[in-house]
C-alpha atoms as a PDB file:
ATOM      1  CA  MET A   1      -6.766  -6.125 -11.322  1.00  0.00           C
ATOM      2  CA  THR A   2      -8.117  -4.165  -8.388  1.00  0.00           C
ATOM      3  CA  ARG A   3      -8.731  -1.179 -10.632  1.00  0.00           C
ATOM      4  CA  PHE A   4     -12.209  -2.476 -11.587  1.00  0.00           C
ATOM      5  CA  PRO A   5     -14.998  -4.286  -9.700  1.00  0.00           C
ATOM      6  CA  SER A   6     -14.506  -8.029  -9.946  1.00  0.00           C
ATOM      7  CA  PHE A   7     -17.891  -8.750 -11.526  1.00  0.00           C
ATOM      8  CA  PHE A   8     -17.188  -6.183 -14.245  1.00  0.00           C
ATOM      9  CA  LEU A   9     -13.835  -7.756 -14.978  1.00  0.00           C
ATOM     10  CA  ILE A  10     -15.340 -11.206 -15.284  1.00  0.00           C
ATOM     11  CA  VAL A  11     -18.072 -10.099 -17.697  1.00  0.00           C
ATOM     12  CA  CYS A  12     -15.667  -8.062 -19.834  1.00  0.00           C
ATOM     13  CA  THR A  13     -13.111 -10.849 -19.889  1.00  0.00           C
ATOM     14  CA  LEU A  14     -15.712 -13.329 -21.054  1.00  0.00           C
ATOM     15  CA  LEU A  15     -16.725 -11.022 -23.891  1.00  0.00           C
ATOM     16  CA  ALA A  16     -13.210 -10.048 -24.889  1.00  0.00           C
ATOM     17  CA  CYS A  17     -11.887 -13.589 -25.010  1.00  0.00           C
ATOM     18  CA  GLY A  18     -14.685 -14.702 -27.316  1.00  0.00           C
ATOM     19  CA  VAL A  19     -15.868 -17.482 -25.063  1.00  0.00           C
ATOM     20  CA  SER A  20     -18.801 -18.347 -27.275  1.00  0.00           C
ATOM     21  CA  SER A  21     -16.654 -18.939 -30.318  1.00  0.00           C
ATOM     22  CA  LEU A  22     -13.368 -20.479 -29.190  1.00  0.00           C
ATOM     23  CA  PRO A  23     -12.461 -22.737 -32.122  1.00  0.00           C
ATOM     24  CA  ALA A  24     -11.360 -26.328 -31.806  1.00  0.00           C
ATOM     25  CA  GLN A  25      -7.619 -26.631 -31.397  1.00  0.00           C
ATOM     26  CA  ASP A  26      -6.987 -29.954 -33.103  1.00  0.00           C
ATOM     27  CA  TRP A  27      -4.416 -28.190 -35.283  1.00  0.00           C
ATOM     28  CA  ALA A  28      -2.468 -27.135 -32.190  1.00  0.00           C
ATOM     29  CA  LYS A  29      -2.639 -30.622 -30.687  1.00  0.00           C
ATOM     30  CA  ALA A  30      -1.460 -32.212 -33.936  1.00  0.00           C
ATOM     31  CA  LYS A  31       1.488 -29.837 -34.214  1.00  0.00           C
ATOM     32  CA  LEU A  32       2.437 -30.386 -30.593  1.00  0.00           C
ATOM     33  CA  GLU A  33       2.425 -34.147 -31.052  1.00  0.00           C
ATOM     34  CA  GLN A  34       5.065 -33.771 -33.767  1.00  0.00           C
ATOM     35  CA  SER A  35       7.503 -32.161 -31.331  1.00  0.00           C
ATOM     36  CA  GLU A  36      10.569 -34.122 -30.310  1.00  0.00           C
ATOM     37  CA  ARG A  37      11.230 -31.987 -27.233  1.00  0.00           C
ATOM     38  CA  HIS A  38      10.927 -33.590 -23.820  1.00  0.00           C
ATOM     39  CA  ARG A  39       7.770 -32.623 -21.982  1.00  0.00           C
ATOM     40  CA  GLU A  40       6.271 -33.861 -18.776  1.00  0.00           C
ATOM     41  CA  TYR A  41       3.597 -32.998 -16.235  1.00  0.00           C
ATOM     42  CA  VAL A  42       4.903 -32.274 -12.784  1.00  0.00           C
ATOM     43  CA  PRO A  43       2.756 -32.057  -9.615  1.00  0.00           C
ATOM     44  CA  VAL A  44       4.045 -28.882  -7.953  1.00  0.00           C
ATOM     45  CA  LYS A  45       2.883 -28.918  -4.319  1.00  0.00           C
ATOM     46  CA  HIS A  46       2.484 -26.137  -1.787  1.00  0.00           C
ATOM     47  CA  ASP A  47       0.249 -25.463   1.221  1.00  0.00           C
ATOM     48  CA  GLY A  48      -1.840 -28.578   0.653  1.00  0.00           C
ATOM     49  CA  ARG A  49      -2.388 -27.827  -3.043  1.00  0.00           C
ATOM     50  CA  THR A  50      -1.054 -29.637  -6.094  1.00  0.00           C
ATOM     51  CA  ILE A  51      -0.624 -27.661  -9.304  1.00  0.00           C
ATOM     52  CA  ASN A  52      -0.316 -29.849 -12.383  1.00  0.00           C
ATOM     53  CA  THR A  53       2.370 -28.133 -14.432  1.00  0.00           C
ATOM     54  CA  LEU A  54       3.525 -28.740 -17.978  1.00  0.00           C
ATOM     55  CA  VAL A  55       7.316 -28.582 -18.244  1.00  0.00           C
ATOM     56  CA  ILE A  56       9.047 -28.550 -21.631  1.00  0.00           C
ATOM     57  CA  TYR A  57      12.808 -28.565 -22.047  1.00  0.00           C
ATOM     58  CA  PRO A  58      14.903 -27.176 -24.897  1.00  0.00           C
ATOM     59  CA  GLU A  59      17.451 -29.327 -26.654  1.00  0.00           C
ATOM     60  CA  THR A  60      20.620 -27.586 -25.551  1.00  0.00           C
ATOM     61  CA  ARG A  61      23.946 -28.348 -23.907  1.00  0.00           C
ATOM     62  CA  ASP A  62      23.770 -25.292 -21.657  1.00  0.00           C
ATOM     63  CA  LYS A  63      21.640 -24.289 -18.707  1.00  0.00           C
ATOM     64  CA  ALA A  64      18.625 -22.254 -19.822  1.00  0.00           C
ATOM     65  CA  PRO A  65      16.369 -19.445 -18.576  1.00  0.00           C
ATOM     66  CA  VAL A  66      12.913 -20.363 -17.283  1.00  0.00           C
ATOM     67  CA  VAL A  67       9.734 -18.878 -18.766  1.00  0.00           C
ATOM     68  CA  MET A  68       6.492 -19.343 -16.830  1.00  0.00           C
ATOM     69  CA  LEU A  69       3.448 -19.059 -19.102  1.00  0.00           C
ATOM     70  CA  ILE A  70       0.066 -18.139 -17.600  1.00  0.00           C
ATOM     71  CA  HIS A  71      -2.927 -19.437 -19.509  1.00  0.00           C
ATOM     72  CA  GLU A  72      -6.004 -17.654 -20.823  1.00  0.00           C
ATOM     73  CA  ILE A  73      -9.460 -17.848 -19.311  1.00  0.00           C
ATOM     74  CA  PHE A  74      -9.792 -21.162 -21.183  1.00  0.00           C
ATOM     75  CA  GLY A  75      -7.259 -22.944 -18.971  1.00  0.00           C
ATOM     76  CA  LEU A  76      -4.301 -25.043 -20.052  1.00  0.00           C
ATOM     77  CA  THR A  77      -5.395 -25.580 -23.654  1.00  0.00           C
ATOM     78  CA  ASP A  78      -3.656 -27.330 -26.526  1.00  0.00           C
ATOM     79  CA  TRP A  79      -2.760 -23.931 -27.955  1.00  0.00           C
ATOM     80  CA  LEU A  80      -1.078 -22.820 -24.709  1.00  0.00           C
ATOM     81  CA  LYS A  81       0.856 -26.091 -24.672  1.00  0.00           C
ATOM     82  CA  LEU A  82       1.938 -25.415 -28.262  1.00  0.00           C
ATOM     83  CA  GLN A  83       3.144 -21.951 -27.266  1.00  0.00           C
ATOM     84  CA  ALA A  84       5.177 -23.539 -24.486  1.00  0.00           C
ATOM     85  CA  ASP A  85       6.725 -25.985 -26.927  1.00  0.00           C
ATOM     86  CA  GLU A  86       7.579 -23.283 -29.460  1.00  0.00           C
ATOM     87  CA  LEU A  87       9.293 -21.211 -26.777  1.00  0.00           C
ATOM     88  CA  ALA A  88      11.222 -24.260 -25.618  1.00  0.00           C
ATOM     89  CA  ALA A  89      12.383 -24.721 -29.205  1.00  0.00           C
ATOM     90  CA  GLN A  90      14.083 -21.347 -28.885  1.00  0.00           C
ATOM     91  CA  GLY A  91      16.211 -22.412 -25.928  1.00  0.00           C
ATOM     92  CA  TYR A  92      13.998 -21.839 -22.883  1.00  0.00           C
ATOM     93  CA  ILE A  93      12.692 -24.114 -20.160  1.00  0.00           C
ATOM     94  CA  VAL A  94       8.961 -23.462 -20.100  1.00  0.00           C
ATOM     95  CA  VAL A  95       6.704 -24.153 -17.135  1.00  0.00           C
ATOM     96  CA  ALA A  96       2.955 -23.770 -17.691  1.00  0.00           C
ATOM     97  CA  PRO A  97       0.759 -24.353 -14.629  1.00  0.00           C
ATOM     98  CA  ASP A  98      -2.856 -25.477 -14.852  1.00  0.00           C
ATOM     99  CA  LEU A  99      -4.283 -23.047 -12.312  1.00  0.00           C
ATOM    100  CA  VAL A 100      -7.584 -24.909 -12.037  1.00  0.00           C
ATOM    101  CA  SER A 101      -5.818 -28.079 -10.941  1.00  0.00           C
ATOM    102  CA  GLY A 102      -7.914 -30.019  -8.458  1.00  0.00           C
ATOM    103  CA  LEU A 103     -11.222 -28.486  -9.525  1.00  0.00           C
ATOM    104  CA  GLY A 104     -12.123 -31.101 -12.121  1.00  0.00           C
ATOM    105  CA  GLU A 105     -13.428 -34.622 -11.838  1.00  0.00           C
ATOM    106  CA  ASN A 106     -11.217 -36.895  -9.725  1.00  0.00           C
ATOM    107  CA  GLY A 107      -9.020 -33.941  -8.822  1.00  0.00           C
ATOM    108  CA  GLY A 108      -8.172 -33.082 -12.406  1.00  0.00           C
ATOM    109  CA  GLY A 109      -7.847 -29.680 -14.002  1.00  0.00           C
ATOM    110  CA  THR A 110      -8.725 -28.092 -17.338  1.00  0.00           C
ATOM    111  CA  ASP A 111      -9.313 -31.352 -19.199  1.00  0.00           C
ATOM    112  CA  ALA A 112     -11.439 -32.803 -16.382  1.00  0.00           C
ATOM    113  CA  LEU A 113     -13.843 -29.933 -15.807  1.00  0.00           C
ATOM    114  CA  GLY A 114     -16.357 -31.096 -18.395  1.00  0.00           C
ATOM    115  CA  GLY A 115     -16.331 -28.378 -21.022  1.00  0.00           C
ATOM    116  CA  GLN A 116     -15.416 -24.822 -21.850  1.00  0.00           C
ATOM    117  CA  ASP A 117     -18.118 -23.108 -19.805  1.00  0.00           C
ATOM    118  CA  LYS A 118     -17.077 -24.938 -16.648  1.00  0.00           C
ATOM    119  CA  VAL A 119     -13.426 -24.097 -17.255  1.00  0.00           C
ATOM    120  CA  ILE A 120     -14.282 -20.407 -17.680  1.00  0.00           C
ATOM    121  CA  LYS A 121     -16.326 -20.420 -14.484  1.00  0.00           C
ATOM    122  CA  ALA A 122     -13.512 -22.114 -12.588  1.00  0.00           C
ATOM    123  CA  VAL A 123     -10.826 -19.718 -13.852  1.00  0.00           C
ATOM    124  CA  THR A 124     -12.848 -16.576 -13.154  1.00  0.00           C
ATOM    125  CA  SER A 125     -13.685 -17.844  -9.661  1.00  0.00           C
ATOM    126  CA  LEU A 126     -10.068 -18.333  -8.612  1.00  0.00           C
ATOM    127  CA  ASP A 127      -8.952 -16.379  -5.570  1.00  0.00           C
ATOM    128  CA  ALA A 128      -6.259 -13.845  -6.468  1.00  0.00           C
ATOM    129  CA  SER A 129      -4.073 -14.684  -3.480  1.00  0.00           C
ATOM    130  CA  GLN A 130      -4.274 -18.372  -4.323  1.00  0.00           C
ATOM    131  CA  VAL A 131      -3.222 -17.673  -7.904  1.00  0.00           C
ATOM    132  CA  THR A 132      -0.219 -15.701  -6.660  1.00  0.00           C
ATOM    133  CA  ALA A 133       0.768 -18.517  -4.310  1.00  0.00           C
ATOM    134  CA  ASP A 134       0.404 -21.084  -7.098  1.00  0.00           C
ATOM    135  CA  LEU A 135       2.542 -18.990  -9.449  1.00  0.00           C
ATOM    136  CA  ASP A 136       5.174 -18.510  -6.746  1.00  0.00           C
ATOM    137  CA  ALA A 137       5.393 -22.265  -6.234  1.00  0.00           C
ATOM    138  CA  VAL A 138       5.717 -22.985  -9.948  1.00  0.00           C
ATOM    139  CA  ALA A 139       8.294 -20.219 -10.427  1.00  0.00           C
ATOM    140  CA  ASP A 140      10.316 -21.578  -7.507  1.00  0.00           C
ATOM    141  CA  TYR A 141      10.118 -25.062  -8.972  1.00  0.00           C
ATOM    142  CA  GLY A 142      11.323 -23.847 -12.360  1.00  0.00           C
ATOM    143  CA  LYS A 143      14.268 -21.971 -10.892  1.00  0.00           C
ATOM    144  CA  SER A 144      15.240 -25.022  -8.815  1.00  0.00           C
ATOM    145  CA  LEU A 145      15.672 -27.268 -11.848  1.00  0.00           C
ATOM    146  CA  PRO A 146      19.291 -28.402 -12.307  1.00  0.00           C
ATOM    147  CA  SER A 147      19.174 -27.306 -15.951  1.00  0.00           C
ATOM    148  CA  ALA A 148      17.943 -23.776 -15.121  1.00  0.00           C
ATOM    149  CA  ASN A 149      20.401 -20.872 -15.176  1.00  0.00           C
ATOM    150  CA  GLY A 150      18.669 -18.665 -12.595  1.00  0.00           C
ATOM    151  CA  LYS A 151      16.897 -16.316 -15.014  1.00  0.00           C
ATOM    152  CA  LEU A 152      13.108 -16.167 -14.586  1.00  0.00           C
ATOM    153  CA  PHE A 153      10.581 -14.661 -16.976  1.00  0.00           C
ATOM    154  CA  THR A 154       6.804 -14.761 -17.046  1.00  0.00           C
ATOM    155  CA  GLY A 155       4.246 -14.142 -19.765  1.00  0.00           C
ATOM    156  CA  GLY A 156       0.504 -14.546 -20.041  1.00  0.00           C
ATOM    157  CA  PHE A 157      -2.454 -14.136 -22.347  1.00  0.00           C
ATOM    158  CA  CYS A 158      -5.823 -12.409 -21.763  1.00  0.00           C
ATOM    159  CA  TRP A 159      -6.737 -13.383 -18.176  1.00  0.00           C
ATOM    160  CA  GLY A 160      -3.178 -14.615 -17.853  1.00  0.00           C
ATOM    161  CA  GLY A 161      -1.886 -11.316 -19.211  1.00  0.00           C
ATOM    162  CA  GLY A 162      -3.533  -9.471 -16.351  1.00  0.00           C
ATOM    163  CA  LYS A 163      -2.140 -11.995 -13.892  1.00  0.00           C
ATOM    164  CA  THR A 164       1.306 -11.521 -15.418  1.00  0.00           C
ATOM    165  CA  PHE A 165       1.194  -7.753 -14.863  1.00  0.00           C
ATOM    166  CA  ALA A 166      -0.050  -8.343 -11.305  1.00  0.00           C
ATOM    167  CA  PHE A 167       2.633 -10.962 -10.623  1.00  0.00           C
ATOM    168  CA  ALA A 168       5.304  -8.453 -11.612  1.00  0.00           C
ATOM    169  CA  THR A 169       4.163  -6.275  -8.692  1.00  0.00           C
ATOM    170  CA  HIS A 170       4.828  -9.194  -6.352  1.00  0.00           C
ATOM    171  CA  ARG A 171       7.782 -11.191  -7.662  1.00  0.00           C
ATOM    172  CA  HIS A 172      11.069  -9.322  -7.472  1.00  0.00           C
ATOM    173  CA  ASP A 173      13.404 -11.837  -9.130  1.00  0.00           C
ATOM    174  CA  LEU A 174      11.758 -11.574 -12.548  1.00  0.00           C
ATOM    175  CA  SER A 175      14.021 -10.613 -15.423  1.00  0.00           C
ATOM    176  CA  ALA A 176      11.020  -9.379 -17.464  1.00  0.00           C
ATOM    177  CA  ALA A 177       7.244  -9.748 -17.746  1.00  0.00           C
ATOM    178  CA  PHE A 178       5.328 -10.093 -21.035  1.00  0.00           C
ATOM    179  CA  VAL A 179       1.697  -8.984 -20.931  1.00  0.00           C
ATOM    180  CA  PHE A 180      -0.400 -10.104 -23.883  1.00  0.00           C
ATOM    181  CA  TYR A 181      -3.663  -8.118 -23.991  1.00  0.00           C
ATOM    182  CA  GLY A 182      -4.222  -8.136 -20.246  1.00  0.00           C
ATOM    183  CA  PRO A 183      -5.347  -5.255 -17.977  1.00  0.00           C
ATOM    184  CA  PRO A 184      -2.882  -3.407 -15.710  1.00  0.00           C
ATOM    185  CA  PRO A 185      -2.767  -3.535 -11.907  1.00  0.00           C
ATOM    186  CA  ALA A 186      -3.670  -0.591  -9.702  1.00  0.00           C
ATOM    187  CA  ALA A 187      -1.334   2.388 -10.024  1.00  0.00           C
ATOM    188  CA  ALA A 188      -0.358   2.121  -6.361  1.00  0.00           C
ATOM    189  CA  ASP A 189       0.929  -1.416  -6.934  1.00  0.00           C
ATOM    190  CA  MET A 190       3.118  -0.446  -9.868  1.00  0.00           C
ATOM    191  CA  ALA A 191       5.702   1.035  -7.492  1.00  0.00           C
ATOM    192  CA  LYS A 192       6.508  -2.540  -6.426  1.00  0.00           C
ATOM    193  CA  ILE A 193       7.535  -3.647  -9.940  1.00  0.00           C
ATOM    194  CA  THR A 194      11.255  -4.296 -10.410  1.00  0.00           C
ATOM    195  CA  ALA A 195      11.316  -5.900 -13.881  1.00  0.00           C
ATOM    196  CA  PRO A 196      10.662  -4.358 -17.288  1.00  0.00           C
ATOM    197  CA  VAL A 197       7.130  -4.974 -18.543  1.00  0.00           C
ATOM    198  CA  TYR A 198       6.464  -5.478 -22.253  1.00  0.00           C
ATOM    199  CA  GLY A 199       2.898  -5.104 -23.507  1.00  0.00           C
ATOM    200  CA  PHE A 200       1.309  -6.638 -26.612  1.00  0.00           C
ATOM    201  CA  TYR A 201      -2.107  -5.288 -27.661  1.00  0.00           C
ATOM    202  CA  GLY A 202      -4.570  -5.605 -30.534  1.00  0.00           C
ATOM    203  CA  GLY A 203      -5.628  -2.474 -32.397  1.00  0.00           C
ATOM    204  CA  ASN A 204      -9.215  -3.768 -32.566  1.00  0.00           C
ATOM    205  CA  ASP A 205      -9.351  -4.541 -28.840  1.00  0.00           C
ATOM    206  CA  ASN A 206     -10.356  -1.212 -27.370  1.00  0.00           C
ATOM    207  CA  ARG A 207     -11.532  -2.696 -24.069  1.00  0.00           C
ATOM    208  CA  ILE A 208      -7.911  -3.457 -23.210  1.00  0.00           C
ATOM    209  CA  GLY A 209      -6.319  -0.862 -25.493  1.00  0.00           C
ATOM    210  CA  ALA A 210      -8.162   1.888 -23.647  1.00  0.00           C
ATOM    211  CA  THR A 211      -6.240   0.991 -20.470  1.00  0.00           C
ATOM    212  CA  VAL A 212      -2.823   1.483 -22.083  1.00  0.00           C
ATOM    213  CA  PRO A 213      -2.538   5.309 -21.971  1.00  0.00           C
ATOM    214  CA  GLN A 214      -3.246   5.393 -18.229  1.00  0.00           C
ATOM    215  CA  ALA A 215      -0.893   2.469 -17.656  1.00  0.00           C
ATOM    216  CA  ILE A 216       1.803   4.438 -19.492  1.00  0.00           C
ATOM    217  CA  THR A 217       1.180   7.438 -17.259  1.00  0.00           C
ATOM    218  CA  ASP A 218       1.122   5.375 -14.069  1.00  0.00           C
ATOM    219  CA  MET A 219       4.226   3.344 -14.905  1.00  0.00           C
ATOM    220  CA  LYS A 220       6.124   6.481 -15.850  1.00  0.00           C
ATOM    221  CA  ALA A 221       5.094   8.160 -12.593  1.00  0.00           C
ATOM    222  CA  ALA A 222       6.363   5.103 -10.713  1.00  0.00           C
ATOM    223  CA  GLY A 223       9.653   5.229 -12.634  1.00  0.00           C
ATOM    224  CA  LYS A 224       9.122   1.781 -14.140  1.00  0.00           C
ATOM    225  CA  VAL A 225       9.968   0.271 -17.522  1.00  0.00           C
ATOM    226  CA  TYR A 226       6.863  -0.295 -19.654  1.00  0.00           C
ATOM    227  CA  GLU A 227       7.023  -0.803 -23.401  1.00  0.00           C
ATOM    228  CA  PRO A 228       3.602  -1.358 -25.017  1.00  0.00           C
ATOM    229  CA  VAL A 229       3.107  -2.169 -28.684  1.00  0.00           C
ATOM    230  CA  THR A 230      -0.256  -2.237 -30.446  1.00  0.00           C
ATOM    231  CA  TYR A 231      -0.680  -4.356 -33.597  1.00  0.00           C
ATOM    232  CA  GLU A 232      -3.062  -2.596 -35.923  1.00  0.00           C
ATOM    233  CA  GLY A 233      -6.050  -4.576 -37.176  1.00  0.00           C
ATOM    234  CA  ALA A 234      -5.484  -7.396 -34.688  1.00  0.00           C
ATOM    235  CA  GLY A 235      -8.227  -8.447 -32.315  1.00  0.00           C
ATOM    236  CA  HIS A 236      -8.150  -9.664 -28.734  1.00  0.00           C
ATOM    237  CA  GLY A 237      -6.488 -13.059 -28.499  1.00  0.00           C
ATOM    238  CA  PHE A 238      -4.425 -12.549 -31.642  1.00  0.00           C
ATOM    239  CA  MET A 239      -1.634 -14.844 -30.479  1.00  0.00           C
ATOM    240  CA  ARG A 240      -4.034 -17.792 -30.438  1.00  0.00           C
ATOM    241  CA  ALA A 241      -6.173 -16.656 -33.364  1.00  0.00           C
ATOM    242  CA  GLY A 242      -3.094 -15.782 -35.415  1.00  0.00           C
ATOM    243  CA  GLN A 243      -1.888 -19.375 -35.450  1.00  0.00           C
ATOM    244  CA  SER A 244      -5.193 -20.893 -36.465  1.00  0.00           C
ATOM    245  CA  PRO A 245      -5.341 -22.296 -40.022  1.00  0.00           C
ATOM    246  CA  ASP A 246      -8.176 -19.848 -40.782  1.00  0.00           C
ATOM    247  CA  ALA A 247      -6.492 -16.844 -39.149  1.00  0.00           C
ATOM    248  CA  LYS A 248      -7.317 -13.347 -40.358  1.00  0.00           C
ATOM    249  CA  PRO A 249      -4.321 -11.693 -42.048  1.00  0.00           C
ATOM    250  CA  ALA A 250      -4.042  -8.986 -39.367  1.00  0.00           C
ATOM    251  CA  ASP A 251      -4.056 -11.570 -36.560  1.00  0.00           C
ATOM    252  CA  ARG A 252      -1.504 -13.731 -38.345  1.00  0.00           C
ATOM    253  CA  LYS A 253       0.767 -10.734 -38.883  1.00  0.00           C
ATOM    254  CA  ALA A 254       0.353  -9.700 -35.247  1.00  0.00           C
ATOM    255  CA  PHE A 255       1.276 -13.201 -34.086  1.00  0.00           C
ATOM    256  CA  ASP A 256       4.398 -13.283 -36.244  1.00  0.00           C
ATOM    257  CA  GLU A 257       5.545  -9.851 -35.101  1.00  0.00           C
ATOM    258  CA  GLY A 258       4.545 -10.440 -31.482  1.00  0.00           C
ATOM    259  CA  PHE A 259       6.373 -13.762 -31.231  1.00  0.00           C
ATOM    260  CA  ALA A 260       9.471 -12.269 -32.857  1.00  0.00           C
ATOM    261  CA  ARG A 261       9.405  -9.375 -30.398  1.00  0.00           C
ATOM    262  CA  LEU A 262       8.942 -11.772 -27.475  1.00  0.00           C
ATOM    263  CA  LEU A 263      12.049 -13.713 -28.531  1.00  0.00           C
ATOM    264  CA  LYS A 264      14.016 -10.505 -29.038  1.00  0.00           C
ATOM    265  CA  GLU A 265      13.218  -9.182 -25.563  1.00  0.00           C
ATOM    266  CA  LEU A 266      13.781 -12.558 -23.918  1.00  0.00           C
ATOM    267  CA  LYS A 267      17.230 -12.661 -25.452  1.00  0.00           C
ATOM    268  CA  SER A 268      18.106  -9.067 -24.600  1.00  0.00           C
ATOM    269  CA  ASN A 269      17.012  -9.468 -20.985  1.00  0.00           C
ATOM    270  CA  THR A 270      18.897 -12.759 -20.697  1.00  0.00           C
ATOM    271  CA  THR A 271      22.173 -11.341 -21.965  1.00  0.00           C
ATOM    272  CA  GLY A 272      21.797  -8.036 -20.129  1.00  0.00           C
ATOM    273  CA  GLU A 273      21.343  -5.981 -23.265  1.00  0.00           C
ATOM    274  CA  GLY A 274      17.836  -5.131 -22.123  1.00  0.00           C
ATOM    275  CA  SER A 275      18.938  -3.647 -18.814  1.00  0.00           C
ATOM    276  CA  LYS A 276      18.820  -0.047 -20.059  1.00  0.00           C
ATOM    277  CA  GLN A 277      16.145   1.883 -18.240  1.00  0.00           C
ATOM    278  CA  THR A 278      13.409   3.185 -20.481  1.00  0.00           C
ATOM    279  CA  THR A 279      10.640   5.676 -19.984  1.00  0.00           C
ATOM    280  CA  VAL A 280       7.407   5.972 -21.884  1.00  0.00           C
ATOM    281  CA  ASP A 281       6.002   9.336 -22.830  1.00  0.00           C
ATOM    282  CA  GLY A 282       2.225   9.498 -22.801  1.00  0.00           C
ATOM    283  CA  PRO A 283      -0.038   9.732 -25.846  1.00  0.00           C
ATOM    284  CA  GLN A 284       0.672  12.821 -27.891  1.00  0.00           C
ATOM    285  CA  PRO A 285      -2.320  15.200 -28.213  1.00  0.00           C
ATOM    286  CA  GLY A 286      -4.475  14.251 -31.167  1.00  0.00           C
ATOM    287  CA  LEU A 287      -2.218  11.388 -32.235  1.00  0.00           C
ATOM    288  CA  GLY A 288      -3.079   8.575 -29.846  1.00  0.00           C
ATOM    289  CA  MET A 289       0.543   7.481 -29.843  1.00  0.00           C
ATOM    290  CA  ALA A 290       3.174   6.824 -27.214  1.00  0.00           C
ATOM    291  CA  VAL A 291       6.897   7.175 -27.819  1.00  0.00           C
ATOM    292  CA  VAL A 292       9.364   4.961 -25.976  1.00  0.00           C
ATOM    293  CA  THR A 293      12.863   6.294 -25.371  1.00  0.00           C
ATOM    294  CA  VAL A 294      15.930   4.837 -23.721  1.00  0.00           C
ATOM    295  CA  ALA A 295      17.980   6.673 -21.118  1.00  0.00           C
ATOM    296  CA  ASP A 296      20.658   7.471 -23.696  1.00  0.00           C
ATOM    297  CA  GLY A 297      18.074   9.204 -25.872  1.00  0.00           C
ATOM    298  CA  SER A 298      17.724   6.480 -28.488  1.00  0.00           C
ATOM    299  CA  VAL A 299      14.459   4.832 -29.479  1.00  0.00           C
ATOM    300  CA  PRO A 300      14.165   1.012 -29.326  1.00  0.00           C
ATOM    301  CA  ASP A 301      13.576  -0.588 -32.733  1.00  0.00           C
ATOM    302  CA  CYS A 302      10.429  -2.322 -31.554  1.00  0.00           C
ATOM    303  CA  CYS A 303       8.797   0.772 -30.163  1.00  0.00           C
ATOM    304  CA  ALA A 304       9.773   3.809 -32.255  1.00  0.00           C
ATOM    305  CA  VAL A 305       6.122   4.734 -32.524  1.00  0.00           C
ATOM    306  CA  VAL A 306       3.689   2.746 -30.407  1.00  0.00           C
ATOM    307  CA  GLN A 307       0.059   3.136 -31.334  1.00  0.00           C
ATOM    308  CA  VAL A 308      -2.400   2.768 -28.501  1.00  0.00           C
ATOM    309  CA  ASN A 309      -6.129   2.700 -27.961  1.00  0.00           C
ATOM    310  CA  GLY A 310      -6.811   1.305 -31.426  1.00  0.00           C
ATOM    311  CA  MET A 311      -5.677   4.477 -33.225  1.00  0.00           C
END
């Protein structure tokens, strides 16, 4: 996130996330209320702060990996909660912190800030070091759960996607990081990454897509695993937009394929099948494509040809 001036990031993030047209999420709330999975809100405390965190458990007899989800610029919305529940349905313990906890009325968070504009202002005003500390505390809490098996993953969307990429430069016990349409960290910080990073990008989201070729170059130079996939025709925020009842076909398709890929990589990095080191060759001249290869010379099914930069 240090690659660009902070004011520029805030303005671009507001535009890219469609802050003026975020639809109501009654459909997400209704679907979530039908879930039979156990969910609770836990006050995770550290350094005088309390982070209200949604925790959802899978229905399983075995200990499970933990996935920490980092919300969009809109805070801990009903859609993000639905994503947490749908991941839990696949056998994962999901922890989703409300990173604006304490900033709302009576010490509340997203739901107590008094509207979307105030939530956006609160999220974009968060101190980066505080966010990292909050995420550390929530990750530690998740791993400490008796039902957790020690595996830790993180994923985030839009603003949270950028924070996910940044968190991977800091947290060295991650099994993998999943960046959904978020900007990369500074090249110098990429050397600190120890987990594979999987990117999910919209073909009609050039603001973020334009950062992918350089991220490929920088991650390759650092010797890190980075596997980006661009979903043609999809816009920024396609995971949320793709589940809406009035979703555009390209966004819906991108959601379906993106969620399937997320589950595939979660499984492979849980079982150890995803431990092969991969490298990413930069965009081929005139093609705007990146090719991902594994150390043994094969090409992963998900990434045989990865289109970048909206091409």
